[in-house]
Amino acid sequence: MSDTTEVNTGAAGALVMIFLTIAFVILLVSFYRRYKRANKPENEQE
């Protein structure tokens, strides 16, 4: 059972992780803004 294969993701894996992290942060900010807007009282004017 010494047939362990190592997978080296390299630059492609790093780029994918960076892209996924940035996409996740953008979604979190978007939903937070929507949440804040939904909880704002209706009588408050901007």
C-alpha atoms as a PDB file:
ATOM      1  CA  MET A   1       0.000   0.000   0.000  1.00  0.00           C
ATOM      2  CA  SER A   2       2.802   2.433  -0.785  1.00  0.00           C
ATOM      3  CA  ASP A   3       1.080   3.627  -3.962  1.00  0.00           C
ATOM      4  CA  THR A   4       0.236   7.058  -2.561  1.00  0.00           C
ATOM      5  CA  THR A   5      -0.052   9.648  -5.291  1.00  0.00           C
ATOM      6  CA  GLU A   6       0.710  13.258  -4.533  1.00  0.00           C
ATOM      7  CA  VAL A   7      -1.307  15.886  -6.356  1.00  0.00           C
ATOM      8  CA  ASN A   8       0.498  19.163  -6.939  1.00  0.00           C
ATOM      9  CA  THR A   9      -2.092  21.799  -7.797  1.00  0.00           C
ATOM     10  CA  GLY A  10       0.474  24.487  -8.541  1.00  0.00           C
ATOM     11  CA  ALA A  11      -0.505  27.858  -9.950  1.00  0.00           C
ATOM     12  CA  ALA A  12      -3.895  26.741 -11.257  1.00  0.00           C
ATOM     13  CA  GLY A  13      -5.049  25.649  -7.796  1.00  0.00           C
ATOM     14  CA  ALA A  14      -3.814  28.872  -6.245  1.00  0.00           C
ATOM     15  CA  LEU A  15      -5.681  30.960  -8.824  1.00  0.00           C
ATOM     16  CA  VAL A  16      -8.865  28.964  -8.281  1.00  0.00           C
ATOM     17  CA  MET A  17      -8.650  29.458  -4.510  1.00  0.00           C
ATOM     18  CA  ILE A  18      -8.042  33.195  -4.924  1.00  0.00           C
ATOM     19  CA  PHE A  19     -11.028  33.464  -7.282  1.00  0.00           C
ATOM     20  CA  LEU A  20     -13.311  31.515  -4.935  1.00  0.00           C
ATOM     21  CA  THR A  21     -12.250  33.603  -1.941  1.00  0.00           C
ATOM     22  CA  ILE A  22     -12.884  36.886  -3.768  1.00  0.00           C
ATOM     23  CA  ALA A  23     -16.268  35.652  -5.022  1.00  0.00           C
ATOM     24  CA  PHE A  24     -17.226  34.609  -1.472  1.00  0.00           C
ATOM     25  CA  VAL A  25     -16.275  38.016  -0.056  1.00  0.00           C
ATOM     26  CA  ILE A  26     -18.258  39.816  -2.773  1.00  0.00           C
ATOM     27  CA  LEU A  27     -21.321  37.695  -1.998  1.00  0.00           C
ATOM     28  CA  LEU A  28     -20.986  38.329   1.744  1.00  0.00           C
ATOM     29  CA  VAL A  29     -20.794  42.095   1.216  1.00  0.00           C
ATOM     30  CA  SER A  30     -23.766  42.011  -1.148  1.00  0.00           C
ATOM     31  CA  PHE A  31     -25.967  40.064   1.244  1.00  0.00           C
ATOM     32  CA  TYR A  32     -24.897  42.236   4.187  1.00  0.00           C
ATOM     33  CA  ARG A  33     -25.909  45.379   2.307  1.00  0.00           C
ATOM     34  CA  ARG A  34     -29.251  43.807   1.403  1.00  0.00           C
ATOM     35  CA  TYR A  35     -29.772  42.756   5.038  1.00  0.00           C
ATOM     36  CA  LYS A  36     -29.006  46.252   6.331  1.00  0.00           C
ATOM     37  CA  ARG A  37     -31.379  47.781   3.772  1.00  0.00           C
ATOM     38  CA  ALA A  38     -34.171  45.360   4.690  1.00  0.00           C
ATOM     39  CA  ASN A  39     -33.894  46.121   8.422  1.00  0.00           C
ATOM     40  CA  LYS A  40     -33.893  49.894   8.003  1.00  0.00           C
ATOM     41  CA  PRO A  41     -37.073  51.542   9.345  1.00  0.00           C
ATOM     42  CA  GLU A  42     -39.437  52.741   6.629  1.00  0.00           C
ATOM     43  CA  ASN A  43     -39.820  56.248   8.104  1.00  0.00           C
ATOM     44  CA  GLU A  44     -36.085  56.928   7.905  1.00  0.00           C
ATOM     45  CA  GLN A  45     -35.176  58.921   4.801  1.00  0.00           C
ATOM     46  CA  GLU A  46     -31.765  58.785   3.100  1.00  0.00           C
END
